[in-house]
C-alpha atoms as a PDB file:
ATOM      1  CA  GLN A   1      44.728  17.601  -4.601  1.00  0.00           C
ATOM      2  CA  MET A   2      42.102  17.638  -1.338  1.00  0.00           C
ATOM      3  CA  SER A   3      40.769  14.431   0.316  1.00  0.00           C
ATOM      4  CA  PRO A   4      37.918  12.855  -0.741  1.00  0.00           C
ATOM      5  CA  ALA A   5      36.098  13.097   2.463  1.00  0.00           C
ATOM      6  CA  LEU A   6      37.142  16.927   2.312  1.00  0.00           C
ATOM      7  CA  ILE A   7      35.260  17.228  -1.406  1.00  0.00           C
ATOM      8  CA  ALA A   8      32.663  15.089  -0.520  1.00  0.00           C
ATOM      9  CA  ALA A   9      32.090  18.337   2.350  1.00  0.00           C
ATOM     10  CA  GLY A  10      32.553  20.970   0.259  1.00  0.00           C
ATOM     11  CA  ARG A  11      30.281  19.845  -2.467  1.00  0.00           C
ATOM     12  CA  THR A  12      27.614  19.352   0.210  1.00  0.00           C
ATOM     13  CA  ALA A  13      28.090  22.683   1.827  1.00  0.00           C
ATOM     14  CA  ALA A  14      28.050  23.939  -1.823  1.00  0.00           C
ATOM     15  CA  ALA A  15      24.241  22.554  -2.215  1.00  0.00           C
ATOM     16  CA  LEU A  16      22.799  23.656   0.939  1.00  0.00           C
ATOM     17  CA  GLU A  17      24.332  27.369   0.085  1.00  0.00           C
ATOM     18  CA  GLY A  18      22.195  26.911  -3.445  1.00  0.00           C
ATOM     19  CA  ARG A  19      19.406  25.341  -2.387  1.00  0.00           C
ATOM     20  CA  LYS A  20      19.229  28.882   0.085  1.00  0.00           C
ATOM     21  CA  ALA A  21      21.051  31.426  -2.042  1.00  0.00           C
ATOM     22  CA  GLY A  22      20.725  30.439  -5.614  1.00  0.00           C
ATOM     23  CA  GLU A  23      23.951  28.602  -7.596  1.00  0.00           C
ATOM     24  CA  GLU A  24      24.994  31.807  -8.686  1.00  0.00           C
ATOM     25  CA  GLN A  25      25.367  33.624  -5.582  1.00  0.00           C
ATOM     26  CA  SER A  26      28.564  34.908  -3.565  1.00  0.00           C
ATOM     27  CA  VAL A  27      28.935  33.770   0.041  1.00  0.00           C
ATOM     28  CA  PRO A  28      30.637  34.145   3.030  1.00  0.00           C
ATOM     29  CA  LEU A  29      30.708  30.359   3.338  1.00  0.00           C
ATOM     30  CA  ILE A  30      31.712  29.194  -0.289  1.00  0.00           C
ATOM     31  CA  ASN A  31      34.358  32.655   0.092  1.00  0.00           C
ATOM     32  CA  ARG A  32      36.133  31.376   3.525  1.00  0.00           C
ATOM     33  CA  LEU A  33      35.783  27.498   1.799  1.00  0.00           C
ATOM     34  CA  SER A  34      37.161  28.631  -1.559  1.00  0.00           C
ATOM     35  CA  PHE A  35      39.906  31.164  -1.304  1.00  0.00           C
ATOM     36  CA  GLY A  36      39.870  32.494   2.531  1.00  0.00           C
ATOM     37  CA  ALA A  37      42.954  30.303   3.805  1.00  0.00           C
ATOM     38  CA  TYR A  38      45.145  30.932   0.919  1.00  0.00           C
ATOM     39  CA  ASN A  39      46.649  34.586   2.155  1.00  0.00           C
ATOM     40  CA  ARG A  40      47.080  32.821   6.000  1.00  0.00           C
ATOM     41  CA  LEU A  41      50.686  31.489   4.693  1.00  0.00           C
ATOM     42  CA  PHE A  42      51.831  35.017   3.867  1.00  0.00           C
ATOM     43  CA  ALA A  43      50.634  36.913   7.256  1.00  0.00           C
ATOM     44  CA  PRO A  44      50.933  40.514   7.601  1.00  0.00           C
ATOM     45  CA  ASN A  45      48.966  40.626   4.859  1.00  0.00           C
ATOM     46  CA  ARG A  46      49.164  44.044   2.894  1.00  0.00           C
ATOM     47  CA  THR A  47      46.026  42.739   0.972  1.00  0.00           C
ATOM     48  CA  ASP A  48      43.491  40.344   0.691  1.00  0.00           C
ATOM     49  CA  PHE A  49      44.868  38.829  -2.544  1.00  0.00           C
ATOM     50  CA  ASP A  50      48.583  39.130  -1.331  1.00  0.00           C
ATOM     51  CA  TRP A  51      48.620  34.661  -1.995  1.00  0.00           C
ATOM     52  CA  LEU A  52      48.603  35.161  -5.756  1.00  0.00           C
ATOM     53  CA  SER A  53      51.790  36.970  -6.563  1.00  0.00           C
ATOM     54  CA  LEU A  54      55.637  37.552  -4.763  1.00  0.00           C
ATOM     55  CA  ASP A  55      55.116  40.714  -6.491  1.00  0.00           C
ATOM     56  CA  PRO A  56      53.125  43.285  -4.779  1.00  0.00           C
ATOM     57  CA  ALA A  57      52.759  45.402  -8.324  1.00  0.00           C
ATOM     58  CA  ASN A  58      51.749  42.321  -9.018  1.00  0.00           C
ATOM     59  CA  VAL A  59      48.320  41.746  -6.659  1.00  0.00           C
ATOM     60  CA  ASP A  60      48.168  45.678  -6.959  1.00  0.00           C
ATOM     61  CA  ARG A  61      47.286  45.499 -10.661  1.00  0.00           C
ATOM     62  CA  TYR A  62      44.843  42.663 -10.144  1.00  0.00           C
ATOM     63  CA  ILE A  63      43.243  44.315  -7.503  1.00  0.00           C
ATOM     64  CA  ALA A  64      42.727  47.480  -9.302  1.00  0.00           C
ATOM     65  CA  ASP A  65      41.470  45.302 -12.486  1.00  0.00           C
ATOM     66  CA  PRO A  66      37.790  45.431 -12.644  1.00  0.00           C
ATOM     67  CA  LEU A  67      37.187  42.098 -14.323  1.00  0.00           C
ATOM     68  CA  CYS A  68      39.538  40.524 -11.066  1.00  0.00           C
ATOM     69  CA  GLY A  69      38.860  40.214  -7.289  1.00  0.00           C
ATOM     70  CA  GLY A  70      35.295  38.479  -7.588  1.00  0.00           C
ATOM     71  CA  ASN A  71      34.355  36.077  -4.929  1.00  0.00           C
ATOM     72  CA  ALA A  72      33.433  32.394  -6.250  1.00  0.00           C
ATOM     73  CA  SER A  73      29.709  31.389  -6.651  1.00  0.00           C
ATOM     74  CA  VAL A  74      28.203  28.425  -5.434  1.00  0.00           C
ATOM     75  CA  GLY A  75      28.159  26.850  -9.053  1.00  0.00           C
ATOM     76  CA  LEU A  76      31.580  27.602  -9.242  1.00  0.00           C
ATOM     77  CA  PHE A  77      32.608  25.853  -6.006  1.00  0.00           C
ATOM     78  CA  ARG A  78      30.410  22.859  -7.134  1.00  0.00           C
ATOM     79  CA  GLU A  79      31.853  22.575 -10.199  1.00  0.00           C
ATOM     80  CA  MET A  80      35.051  23.038  -9.535  1.00  0.00           C
ATOM     81  CA  LEU A  81      35.217  20.754  -6.445  1.00  0.00           C
ATOM     82  CA  GLY A  82      33.230  17.889  -9.094  1.00  0.00           C
ATOM     83  CA  GLY A  83      35.742  18.583 -11.315  1.00  0.00           C
ATOM     84  CA  LEU A  84      38.723  17.069  -8.185  1.00  0.00           C
ATOM     85  CA  ARG A  85      36.983  14.403  -7.382  1.00  0.00           C
ATOM     86  CA  PHE A  86      36.887  13.280 -11.231  1.00  0.00           C
ATOM     87  CA  ILE A  87      40.829  13.443 -11.178  1.00  0.00           C
ATOM     88  CA  GLU A  88      40.847  12.056  -7.966  1.00  0.00           C
ATOM     89  CA  ARG A  89      39.660   8.645  -9.654  1.00  0.00           C
ATOM     90  CA  ARG A  90      42.100   6.434 -10.600  1.00  0.00           C
ATOM     91  CA  GLU A  91      40.062   4.780 -13.012  1.00  0.00           C
ATOM     92  CA  ASN A  92      39.310   8.438 -14.864  1.00  0.00           C
ATOM     93  CA  LEU A  93      42.451   9.191 -15.502  1.00  0.00           C
ATOM     94  CA  ARG A  94      43.298   5.274 -16.773  1.00  0.00           C
ATOM     95  CA  LYS A  95      40.681   6.394 -19.826  1.00  0.00           C
ATOM     96  CA  MET A  96      43.487   9.338 -20.615  1.00  0.00           C
ATOM     97  CA  ASN A  97      45.821   8.563 -23.661  1.00  0.00           C
ATOM     98  CA  ALA A  98      48.728   6.963 -21.804  1.00  0.00           C
ATOM     99  CA  ASN A  99      51.250   8.078 -24.345  1.00  0.00           C
ATOM    100  CA  THR A 100      50.199  11.799 -23.932  1.00  0.00           C
ATOM    101  CA  PRO A 101      52.999  14.081 -22.536  1.00  0.00           C
ATOM    102  CA  ILE A 102      51.832  16.233 -19.173  1.00  0.00           C
ATOM    103  CA  LEU A 103      53.439  18.710 -17.497  1.00  0.00           C
ATOM    104  CA  PHE A 104      51.958  19.947 -14.017  1.00  0.00           C
ATOM    105  CA  VAL A 105      53.891  23.785 -13.408  1.00  0.00           C
ATOM    106  CA  SER A 106      53.314  25.506 -10.490  1.00  0.00           C
ATOM    107  CA  GLY A 107      54.585  27.743  -8.186  1.00  0.00           C
ATOM    108  CA  ALA A 108      56.284  25.948  -4.938  1.00  0.00           C
ATOM    109  CA  MET A 109      54.425  28.621  -2.438  1.00  0.00           C
ATOM    110  CA  ASP A 110      51.018  28.458  -4.606  1.00  0.00           C
ATOM    111  CA  PRO A 111      48.420  27.861  -1.719  1.00  0.00           C
ATOM    112  CA  VAL A 112      46.073  26.549  -4.145  1.00  0.00           C
ATOM    113  CA  GLY A 113      48.756  23.666  -5.186  1.00  0.00           C
ATOM    114  CA  GLY A 114      49.272  22.563  -1.452  1.00  0.00           C
ATOM    115  CA  CYS A 115      52.412  24.561  -1.668  1.00  0.00           C
ATOM    116  CA  GLY A 116      53.438  22.291  -3.983  1.00  0.00           C
ATOM    117  CA  LYS A 117      52.555  19.183  -2.538  1.00  0.00           C
ATOM    118  CA  GLY A 118      49.252  18.705  -3.839  1.00  0.00           C
ATOM    119  CA  VAL A 119      50.966  19.029  -7.129  1.00  0.00           C
ATOM    120  CA  GLN A 120      53.435  16.704  -6.437  1.00  0.00           C
ATOM    121  CA  ARG A 121      50.176  14.289  -5.128  1.00  0.00           C
ATOM    122  CA  ALA A 122      48.530  14.923  -8.518  1.00  0.00           C
ATOM    123  CA  CYS A 123      51.549  14.075 -10.431  1.00  0.00           C
ATOM    124  CA  ARG A 124      52.189  10.601  -8.859  1.00  0.00           C
ATOM    125  CA  SER A 125      48.319   9.873  -9.168  1.00  0.00           C
ATOM    126  CA  PHE A 126      49.051  10.393 -13.260  1.00  0.00           C
ATOM    127  CA  GLN A 127      52.161   8.319 -12.901  1.00  0.00           C
ATOM    128  CA  ARG A 128      50.368   5.423 -11.099  1.00  0.00           C
ATOM    129  CA  ALA A 129      47.674   5.880 -13.617  1.00  0.00           C
ATOM    130  CA  GLY A 130      49.938   4.533 -16.064  1.00  0.00           C
ATOM    131  CA  VAL A 131      50.712   7.833 -18.256  1.00  0.00           C
ATOM    132  CA  ARG A 132      54.398   7.097 -19.907  1.00  0.00           C
ATOM    133  CA  ASP A 133      55.625  10.989 -19.229  1.00  0.00           C
ATOM    134  CA  VAL A 134      54.818  12.880 -16.211  1.00  0.00           C
ATOM    135  CA  SER A 135      56.856  16.047 -15.795  1.00  0.00           C
ATOM    136  CA  LEU A 136      56.444  18.365 -12.998  1.00  0.00           C
ATOM    137  CA  ARG A 137      58.036  21.989 -12.538  1.00  0.00           C
ATOM    138  CA  LEU A 138      57.940  23.643  -9.182  1.00  0.00           C
ATOM    139  CA  TYR A 139      59.069  27.517  -9.158  1.00  0.00           C
ATOM    140  CA  PRO A 140      60.700  28.033  -5.546  1.00  0.00           C
ATOM    141  CA  GLU A 141      59.383  31.216  -4.053  1.00  0.00           C
ATOM    142  CA  LEU A 142      56.470  32.143  -6.777  1.00  0.00           C
ATOM    143  CA  ARG A 143      52.876  32.028  -5.761  1.00  0.00           C
ATOM    144  CA  HIS A 144      49.567  31.613  -8.154  1.00  0.00           C
ATOM    145  CA  GLU A 145      50.522  34.001 -10.697  1.00  0.00           C
ATOM    146  CA  ILE A 146      53.880  32.368 -11.774  1.00  0.00           C
ATOM    147  CA  LEU A 147      52.817  33.682 -15.545  1.00  0.00           C
ATOM    148  CA  ASN A 148      52.904  37.463 -13.880  1.00  0.00           C
ATOM    149  CA  GLU A 149      56.344  37.463 -11.822  1.00  0.00           C
ATOM    150  CA  ALA A 150      59.575  39.106 -12.899  1.00  0.00           C
ATOM    151  CA  CYS A 151      60.891  36.045 -14.061  1.00  0.00           C
ATOM    152  CA  ARG A 152      58.056  34.866 -16.626  1.00  0.00           C
ATOM    153  CA  GLU A 153      60.593  34.855 -19.111  1.00  0.00           C
ATOM    154  CA  ASP A 154      62.513  32.090 -18.153  1.00  0.00           C
ATOM    155  CA  ILE A 155      58.896  29.650 -17.256  1.00  0.00           C
ATOM    156  CA  TYR A 156      57.778  30.696 -20.732  1.00  0.00           C
ATOM    157  CA  ARG A 157      61.085  29.492 -22.047  1.00  0.00           C
ATOM    158  CA  ASP A 158      61.046  26.739 -19.942  1.00  0.00           C
ATOM    159  CA  LEU A 159      57.116  25.633 -21.478  1.00  0.00           C
ATOM    160  CA  TYR A 160      58.758  26.300 -24.631  1.00  0.00           C
ATOM    161  CA  GLN A 161      61.820  24.110 -24.348  1.00  0.00           C
ATOM    162  CA  TRP A 162      58.995  21.165 -23.044  1.00  0.00           C
ATOM    163  CA  LEU A 163      57.100  21.990 -25.736  1.00  0.00           C
ATOM    164  CA  SER A 164      59.672  21.736 -28.237  1.00  0.00           C
ATOM    165  CA  GLU A 165      61.312  18.251 -26.827  1.00  0.00           C
ATOM    166  CA  LYS A 166      57.486  17.013 -27.542  1.00  0.00           C
ATOM    167  CA  LEU A 167      56.832  18.291 -30.405  1.00  0.00           C
ATOM    168  CA  GLU A 168      59.725  16.718 -31.869  1.00  0.00           C
ATOM    169  CA  ALA A 169      59.307  12.781 -30.624  1.00  0.00           C
ATOM    170  CA  ILE A 170      55.977  13.258 -32.535  1.00  0.00           C
END
Protein backbone atom coordinates (compact mmCIF):
# COMPACT_ATOMS: atom_id res chain seq x y z
CA GLN A 1 0.00 0.00 0.00
CA MET A 2 1.07 3.54 -0.63
CA SER A 3 0.78 6.51 1.67
CA PRO A 4 -2.21 8.79 1.05
CA ALA A 5 0.19 11.68 0.36
CA LEU A 6 2.03 9.69 -2.31
CA ILE A 7 -1.26 8.63 -3.90
CA ALA A 8 -2.46 12.25 -3.94
CA ALA A 9 0.82 13.43 -5.48
CA GLY A 10 0.63 10.74 -8.17
CA ARG A 11 -2.98 11.60 -8.97
CA THR A 12 -2.06 15.29 -9.23
CA ALA A 13 0.81 14.48 -11.59
CA ALA A 14 -1.50 12.29 -13.67
CA ALA A 15 -4.16 15.02 -13.83
CA LEU A 16 -1.60 17.57 -15.02
CA GLU A 17 -0.11 15.19 -17.58
CA GLY A 18 -3.61 14.19 -18.70
CA ARG A 19 -4.50 17.80 -19.42
CA LYS A 20 -1.31 18.26 -21.45
CA ALA A 21 -1.05 14.96 -23.32
CA GLY A 22 -4.44 13.31 -22.93
CA GLU A 23 -5.71 10.46 -20.77
CA GLU A 24 -4.91 7.75 -23.34
CA GLN A 25 -1.32 8.81 -23.85
CA SER A 26 1.75 7.33 -22.23
CA VAL A 27 4.22 9.95 -21.00
CA PRO A 28 7.74 9.60 -19.57
CA LEU A 29 6.83 10.96 -16.12
CA ILE A 30 4.02 8.44 -15.66
CA ASN A 31 6.26 5.62 -16.91
CA ARG A 32 8.88 6.54 -14.31
CA LEU A 33 6.27 6.81 -11.56
CA SER A 34 4.48 3.58 -12.45
CA PHE A 35 7.08 1.00 -13.47
CA GLY A 36 10.40 2.82 -13.75
CA ALA A 37 11.62 2.14 -10.23
CA TYR A 38 10.81 -1.57 -10.13
CA ASN A 39 14.01 -2.77 -11.79
CA ARG A 40 16.40 -0.97 -9.42
CA LEU A 41 16.25 -3.81 -6.91
CA PHE A 42 17.60 -6.26 -9.50
CA ALA A 43 20.57 -4.26 -10.83
CA PRO A 44 22.62 -4.83 -12.81
CA ASN A 45 19.72 -5.31 -15.19
CA ARG A 46 19.67 -7.49 -18.26
CA THR A 47 16.37 -5.92 -19.45
CA ASP A 48 13.85 -3.28 -18.40
CA PHE A 49 11.60 -6.10 -17.18
CA ASP A 50 13.85 -8.13 -14.86
CA TRP A 51 11.48 -7.24 -12.01
CA LEU A 52 8.78 -9.46 -13.52
CA SER A 53 10.33 -12.88 -13.04
CA LEU A 54 13.16 -14.78 -11.46
CA ASP A 55 13.45 -16.79 -14.69
CA PRO A 56 15.14 -14.90 -17.56
CA ALA A 57 13.24 -17.06 -20.09
CA ASN A 58 9.93 -15.73 -18.69
CA VAL A 59 11.20 -12.18 -19.10
CA ASP A 60 12.28 -12.93 -22.67
CA ARG A 61 8.85 -14.41 -23.53
CA TYR A 62 7.20 -11.29 -22.07
CA ILE A 63 9.41 -9.00 -24.17
CA ALA A 64 8.77 -11.06 -27.33
CA ASP A 65 4.98 -11.00 -26.85
CA PRO A 66 3.54 -8.13 -28.93
CA LEU A 67 0.67 -7.78 -26.44
CA CYS A 68 3.03 -7.15 -23.50
CA GLY A 69 5.37 -4.39 -22.50
CA GLY A 70 3.24 -1.35 -23.19
CA ASN A 71 3.55 1.66 -20.95
CA ALA A 72 0.71 2.73 -18.68
CA SER A 73 -1.48 5.50 -20.01
CA VAL A 74 -2.05 8.59 -17.92
CA GLY A 75 -5.66 7.52 -17.37
CA LEU A 76 -4.74 3.98 -16.32
CA PHE A 77 -2.22 5.31 -13.80
CA ARG A 78 -4.75 7.78 -12.40
CA GLU A 79 -7.43 5.09 -12.07
CA MET A 80 -4.99 2.66 -10.44
CA LEU A 81 -4.13 5.26 -7.83
CA GLY A 82 -7.83 5.93 -7.31
CA GLY A 83 -8.32 2.23 -6.56
CA LEU A 84 -5.44 2.27 -4.10
CA ARG A 85 -6.91 5.35 -2.44
CA PHE A 86 -10.25 3.55 -2.13
CA ILE A 87 -8.81 0.48 -0.38
CA GLU A 88 -6.64 2.66 1.88
CA ARG A 89 -9.81 3.89 3.58
CA ARG A 90 -10.92 1.61 6.39
CA GLU A 91 -14.54 2.73 5.97
CA ASN A 92 -14.50 1.28 2.44
CA LEU A 93 -13.06 -2.03 3.61
CA ARG A 94 -15.70 -2.19 6.33
CA LYS A 95 -18.38 -2.27 3.64
CA MET A 96 -17.16 -5.74 2.67
CA ASN A 97 -18.81 -8.86 4.02
CA ALA A 98 -16.56 -9.57 7.04
CA ASN A 99 -17.17 -13.30 6.58
CA THR A 100 -15.71 -13.44 3.06
CA PRO A 101 -12.34 -15.22 3.20
CA ILE A 102 -9.48 -13.25 1.68
CA LEU A 103 -6.16 -14.65 0.47
CA PHE A 104 -3.27 -12.37 -0.42
CA VAL A 105 -0.57 -14.01 -2.56
CA SER A 106 2.59 -12.42 -3.83
CA GLY A 107 6.21 -12.99 -4.62
CA ALA A 108 8.29 -11.87 -1.66
CA MET A 109 10.55 -10.01 -4.10
CA ASP A 110 7.77 -8.35 -6.11
CA PRO A 111 8.53 -4.63 -6.12
CA VAL A 112 4.87 -3.86 -6.93
CA GLY A 113 3.97 -5.17 -3.47
CA GLY A 114 6.94 -3.52 -1.80
CA CYS A 115 8.72 -6.89 -1.66
CA GLY A 116 6.02 -8.24 0.62
CA LYS A 117 5.79 -5.22 2.92
CA GLY A 118 2.91 -3.60 1.05
CA VAL A 119 1.08 -6.90 0.82
CA GLN A 120 1.50 -7.40 4.58
CA ARG A 121 0.16 -3.87 5.21
CA ALA A 122 -2.85 -4.59 2.99
CA CYS A 123 -3.47 -7.81 4.89
CA ARG A 124 -3.36 -5.98 8.24
CA SER A 125 -5.70 -3.29 6.87
CA PHE A 126 -8.30 -5.93 6.03
CA GLN A 127 -7.90 -7.46 9.49
CA ARG A 128 -8.26 -4.07 11.22
CA ALA A 129 -11.37 -3.42 9.14
CA GLY A 130 -12.94 -6.52 10.69
CA VAL A 131 -12.50 -9.15 7.98
CA ARG A 132 -12.46 -12.39 9.99
CA ASP A 133 -10.52 -14.73 7.70
CA VAL A 134 -7.49 -13.11 6.09
CA SER A 135 -4.57 -15.21 4.89
CA LEU A 136 -1.23 -14.21 3.42
CA ARG A 137 1.16 -16.29 1.37
CA LEU A 138 4.47 -14.77 0.26
CA TYR A 139 6.67 -16.90 -1.99
CA PRO A 140 10.38 -16.40 -1.22
CA GLU A 141 12.56 -15.15 -4.07
CA LEU A 142 9.65 -14.83 -6.50
CA ARG A 143 8.88 -11.55 -8.19
CA HIS A 144 5.72 -10.33 -9.95
CA GLU A 145 4.76 -13.18 -12.29
CA ILE A 146 4.36 -15.94 -9.69
CA LEU A 147 1.98 -17.98 -11.84
CA ASN A 148 4.56 -18.21 -14.63
CA GLU A 149 7.53 -19.38 -12.56
CA ALA A 150 8.99 -22.90 -12.65
CA CYS A 151 7.33 -23.59 -9.27
CA ARG A 152 3.88 -22.50 -10.50
CA GLU A 153 2.42 -25.98 -9.87
CA ASP A 154 3.18 -25.50 -6.16
CA ILE A 155 1.39 -22.17 -6.20
CA TYR A 156 -1.59 -23.64 -8.06
CA ARG A 157 -1.69 -26.42 -5.48
CA ASP A 158 -1.62 -23.90 -2.61
CA LEU A 159 -4.46 -21.92 -4.21
CA TYR A 160 -6.48 -25.07 -4.82
CA GLN A 161 -5.98 -26.21 -1.23
CA TRP A 162 -7.03 -22.81 0.16
CA LEU A 163 -10.11 -22.68 -2.07
CA SER A 164 -11.04 -26.26 -1.21
CA GLU A 165 -10.82 -25.54 2.52
CA LYS A 166 -13.01 -22.46 2.18
CA LEU A 167 -15.59 -24.23 0.01
CA GLU A 168 -15.78 -27.17 2.43
CA ALA A 169 -16.64 -24.73 5.21
CA ILE A 170 -19.70 -23.44 3.32
